[in-house]
N, C-alpha and C. Protein backbone atom coordinates (compact mmCIF):
# COMPACT_ATOMS: atom_id res chain seq x y z
N MET A 1 -176.83 19.41 -66.05
CA MET A 1 -175.79 18.65 -66.73
C MET A 1 -174.57 19.53 -67.00
N ASN A 2 -174.77 20.76 -67.41
CA ASN A 2 -173.65 21.64 -67.69
C ASN A 2 -172.83 21.90 -66.43
N TYR A 3 -173.52 22.10 -65.30
CA TYR A 3 -172.82 22.35 -64.05
C TYR A 3 -171.99 21.13 -63.65
N TYR A 4 -172.53 19.92 -63.84
CA TYR A 4 -171.81 18.70 -63.48
C TYR A 4 -170.52 18.58 -64.29
N GLN A 5 -170.55 18.99 -65.55
CA GLN A 5 -169.35 18.92 -66.37
C GLN A 5 -168.29 19.90 -65.86
N LEU A 6 -168.71 21.03 -65.33
CA LEU A 6 -167.76 21.99 -64.77
C LEU A 6 -167.26 21.57 -63.39
N GLU A 7 -168.16 21.07 -62.57
CA GLU A 7 -167.86 20.75 -61.18
C GLU A 7 -168.53 19.42 -60.81
N PRO A 8 -167.89 18.27 -61.13
CA PRO A 8 -168.53 16.97 -60.85
C PRO A 8 -168.83 16.81 -59.36
N PHE A 9 -169.94 16.17 -59.06
CA PHE A 9 -170.36 15.94 -57.68
C PHE A 9 -170.97 14.55 -57.59
N GLY A 10 -171.18 14.09 -56.38
CA GLY A 10 -171.84 12.81 -56.18
C GLY A 10 -170.85 11.67 -55.96
N GLY A 11 -171.32 10.45 -56.18
CA GLY A 11 -170.62 9.21 -55.88
C GLY A 11 -169.14 9.15 -56.22
N GLU A 12 -168.81 8.95 -57.47
CA GLU A 12 -167.41 8.74 -57.87
C GLU A 12 -166.53 9.96 -57.60
N PRO A 13 -166.95 11.17 -57.97
CA PRO A 13 -166.09 12.32 -57.65
C PRO A 13 -165.88 12.50 -56.15
N LEU A 14 -166.90 12.25 -55.36
CA LEU A 14 -166.76 12.38 -53.91
C LEU A 14 -165.81 11.32 -53.36
N ASP A 15 -165.91 10.09 -53.88
CA ASP A 15 -164.99 9.03 -53.46
C ASP A 15 -163.55 9.41 -53.80
N THR A 16 -163.34 10.00 -54.96
CA THR A 16 -162.00 10.43 -55.37
C THR A 16 -161.48 11.50 -54.42
N GLN A 17 -162.32 12.47 -54.10
CA GLN A 17 -161.91 13.54 -53.20
C GLN A 17 -161.57 12.99 -51.82
N MET A 18 -162.40 12.09 -51.31
CA MET A 18 -162.15 11.53 -49.99
C MET A 18 -160.89 10.67 -49.99
N GLY A 19 -160.66 9.92 -51.06
CA GLY A 19 -159.44 9.11 -51.17
C GLY A 19 -158.20 9.97 -51.11
N ILE A 20 -158.23 11.11 -51.79
CA ILE A 20 -157.09 12.03 -51.77
C ILE A 20 -156.90 12.60 -50.37
N LEU A 21 -157.99 13.02 -49.74
CA LEU A 21 -157.91 13.58 -48.39
C LEU A 21 -157.35 12.56 -47.40
N ILE A 22 -157.86 11.33 -47.45
CA ILE A 22 -157.39 10.29 -46.54
C ILE A 22 -155.92 9.97 -46.80
N SER A 23 -155.50 9.98 -48.07
CA SER A 23 -154.10 9.69 -48.39
C SER A 23 -153.18 10.76 -47.82
N ILE A 24 -153.62 12.00 -47.80
CA ILE A 24 -152.81 13.08 -47.22
C ILE A 24 -152.63 12.85 -45.72
N VAL A 25 -153.71 12.54 -45.04
CA VAL A 25 -153.63 12.30 -43.59
C VAL A 25 -152.77 11.07 -43.30
N ALA A 26 -153.00 9.98 -44.03
CA ALA A 26 -152.24 8.75 -43.80
C ALA A 26 -150.76 8.95 -44.11
N SER A 27 -150.46 9.69 -45.17
CA SER A 27 -149.06 9.95 -45.52
C SER A 27 -148.36 10.78 -44.46
N ALA A 28 -149.08 11.71 -43.87
CA ALA A 28 -148.49 12.53 -42.82
C ALA A 28 -148.17 11.70 -41.58
N MET A 29 -148.86 10.58 -41.40
CA MET A 29 -148.69 9.76 -40.20
C MET A 29 -147.88 8.49 -40.47
N ARG A 30 -147.35 8.34 -41.68
CA ARG A 30 -146.64 7.09 -42.01
C ARG A 30 -145.25 7.08 -41.37
N SER A 31 -144.66 5.90 -41.34
CA SER A 31 -143.31 5.75 -40.79
C SER A 31 -142.29 6.34 -41.76
N ARG A 32 -141.21 6.79 -41.22
CA ARG A 32 -140.14 7.34 -42.04
C ARG A 32 -139.60 6.26 -42.97
N GLY A 33 -139.33 6.63 -44.20
CA GLY A 33 -138.76 5.69 -45.16
C GLY A 33 -139.79 4.88 -45.92
N THR A 34 -141.07 5.01 -45.59
CA THR A 34 -142.11 4.29 -46.35
C THR A 34 -142.68 5.22 -47.42
N ARG A 35 -143.25 4.61 -48.44
CA ARG A 35 -143.77 5.42 -49.54
C ARG A 35 -145.02 6.18 -49.12
N ALA A 36 -145.23 7.30 -49.75
CA ALA A 36 -146.43 8.09 -49.48
C ALA A 36 -147.64 7.36 -50.06
N PHE A 37 -148.77 7.50 -49.42
CA PHE A 37 -150.00 6.89 -49.93
C PHE A 37 -150.53 7.71 -51.10
N ARG A 38 -151.31 7.06 -51.94
CA ARG A 38 -151.97 7.73 -53.06
C ARG A 38 -153.48 7.63 -52.85
N GLY A 39 -154.21 8.47 -53.49
CA GLY A 39 -155.67 8.44 -53.39
C GLY A 39 -156.24 7.08 -53.76
N GLN A 40 -155.65 6.43 -54.78
CA GLN A 40 -156.14 5.13 -55.23
C GLN A 40 -156.00 4.06 -54.17
N ASP A 41 -155.09 4.24 -53.22
CA ASP A 41 -154.92 3.25 -52.15
C ASP A 41 -156.17 3.14 -51.28
N PHE A 42 -157.01 4.15 -51.30
CA PHE A 42 -158.20 4.18 -50.46
C PHE A 42 -159.49 4.13 -51.26
N MET A 43 -159.40 3.78 -52.54
CA MET A 43 -160.59 3.69 -53.40
C MET A 43 -161.20 2.30 -53.28
N MET A 44 -162.50 2.24 -53.44
CA MET A 44 -163.21 0.96 -53.36
C MET A 44 -163.15 0.19 -54.67
N TRP A 45 -162.63 0.78 -55.71
CA TRP A 45 -162.57 0.13 -57.00
C TRP A 45 -161.26 0.51 -57.67
N ASP A 46 -160.95 -0.23 -58.73
CA ASP A 46 -159.74 0.04 -59.50
C ASP A 46 -160.16 0.60 -60.85
N ARG A 47 -159.93 1.88 -61.05
CA ARG A 47 -160.36 2.51 -62.29
C ARG A 47 -159.59 2.02 -63.50
N THR A 48 -158.42 1.44 -63.28
CA THR A 48 -157.61 0.99 -64.40
C THR A 48 -158.04 -0.38 -64.91
N SER A 49 -158.90 -1.07 -64.17
CA SER A 49 -159.30 -2.41 -64.59
C SER A 49 -160.28 -2.33 -65.77
N GLN A 50 -160.31 -3.39 -66.52
CA GLN A 50 -161.20 -3.49 -67.68
C GLN A 50 -162.63 -3.74 -67.22
N GLN A 51 -163.58 -3.34 -68.04
CA GLN A 51 -164.99 -3.64 -67.77
C GLN A 51 -165.17 -5.14 -67.90
N ARG A 52 -165.83 -5.76 -66.93
CA ARG A 52 -165.99 -7.21 -66.95
C ARG A 52 -167.29 -7.59 -67.62
N ASP A 53 -167.28 -8.75 -68.23
CA ASP A 53 -168.44 -9.30 -68.91
C ASP A 53 -169.50 -9.67 -67.88
N PRO A 54 -170.74 -9.19 -68.06
CA PRO A 54 -171.80 -9.50 -67.07
C PRO A 54 -172.03 -11.00 -66.89
N ALA A 55 -171.93 -11.79 -67.95
CA ALA A 55 -172.15 -13.24 -67.83
C ALA A 55 -171.06 -13.88 -66.97
N THR A 56 -169.83 -13.45 -67.13
CA THR A 56 -168.73 -13.96 -66.32
C THR A 56 -168.92 -13.57 -64.86
N MET A 57 -169.30 -12.31 -64.62
CA MET A 57 -169.55 -11.87 -63.25
C MET A 57 -170.67 -12.68 -62.61
N GLU A 58 -171.72 -12.94 -63.37
CA GLU A 58 -172.84 -13.72 -62.83
C GLU A 58 -172.40 -15.13 -62.46
N SER A 59 -171.61 -15.78 -63.32
CA SER A 59 -171.17 -17.15 -63.01
C SER A 59 -170.24 -17.16 -61.80
N GLU A 60 -169.36 -16.16 -61.67
CA GLU A 60 -168.48 -16.09 -60.50
C GLU A 60 -169.27 -15.86 -59.22
N MET A 61 -170.26 -14.98 -59.29
CA MET A 61 -171.08 -14.71 -58.10
C MET A 61 -171.93 -15.92 -57.72
N THR A 62 -172.43 -16.64 -58.71
CA THR A 62 -173.21 -17.85 -58.45
C THR A 62 -172.34 -18.91 -57.79
N ALA A 63 -171.11 -19.08 -58.29
CA ALA A 63 -170.19 -20.06 -57.70
C ALA A 63 -169.86 -19.67 -56.25
N TRP A 64 -169.64 -18.38 -56.01
CA TRP A 64 -169.36 -17.92 -54.65
C TRP A 64 -170.55 -18.19 -53.74
N ALA A 65 -171.76 -17.90 -54.21
CA ALA A 65 -172.96 -18.10 -53.40
C ALA A 65 -173.15 -19.58 -53.06
N ARG A 66 -172.90 -20.46 -54.02
CA ARG A 66 -173.02 -21.91 -53.75
C ARG A 66 -172.03 -22.34 -52.68
N ALA A 67 -170.77 -21.91 -52.82
CA ALA A 67 -169.75 -22.27 -51.84
C ALA A 67 -170.10 -21.72 -50.46
N HIS A 68 -170.58 -20.49 -50.42
CA HIS A 68 -170.98 -19.88 -49.15
C HIS A 68 -172.12 -20.66 -48.51
N ASN A 69 -173.13 -20.99 -49.29
CA ASN A 69 -174.28 -21.73 -48.76
C ASN A 69 -173.88 -23.10 -48.25
N GLU A 70 -172.92 -23.74 -48.91
CA GLU A 70 -172.45 -25.05 -48.44
C GLU A 70 -171.74 -24.90 -47.09
N ARG A 71 -170.94 -23.84 -46.92
CA ARG A 71 -170.28 -23.61 -45.64
C ARG A 71 -171.29 -23.34 -44.53
N VAL A 72 -172.34 -22.58 -44.86
CA VAL A 72 -173.37 -22.28 -43.87
C VAL A 72 -174.07 -23.56 -43.44
N LYS A 73 -174.42 -24.40 -44.40
CA LYS A 73 -175.08 -25.66 -44.08
C LYS A 73 -174.19 -26.56 -43.24
N ALA A 74 -172.89 -26.60 -43.57
CA ALA A 74 -171.95 -27.44 -42.82
C ALA A 74 -171.77 -26.94 -41.40
N ASN A 75 -171.91 -25.65 -41.16
CA ASN A 75 -171.68 -25.08 -39.83
C ASN A 75 -172.95 -24.99 -38.98
N ARG A 76 -174.07 -25.35 -39.52
CA ARG A 76 -175.31 -25.30 -38.73
C ARG A 76 -175.20 -26.28 -37.57
N GLY A 77 -175.60 -25.81 -36.41
CA GLY A 77 -175.58 -26.66 -35.23
C GLY A 77 -174.21 -26.74 -34.56
N LYS A 78 -173.24 -26.00 -35.05
CA LYS A 78 -171.91 -26.02 -34.44
C LYS A 78 -171.67 -24.78 -33.58
N GLY A 79 -172.77 -24.13 -33.19
CA GLY A 79 -172.65 -22.98 -32.31
C GLY A 79 -172.30 -21.69 -33.05
N ARG A 80 -172.44 -21.66 -34.33
CA ARG A 80 -172.13 -20.45 -35.10
C ARG A 80 -173.39 -19.78 -35.54
């Protein structure tokens, strides 16, 4: 635990490091006059967002799953 506090490793710190690295490469290859990329542009999540309520997330995911299942049922037999 003490070492992790000095030198974070694993999931989130590694994603941050890779986002920064990718932003450097992408910025070097961008068109003239466009803004430089930031590490956050390549992150899978938004650290500035608020923590979401689990019940709200569950209801949103359930609604998405129902809509998805309805589309799958509607497309059965249509060559998909």
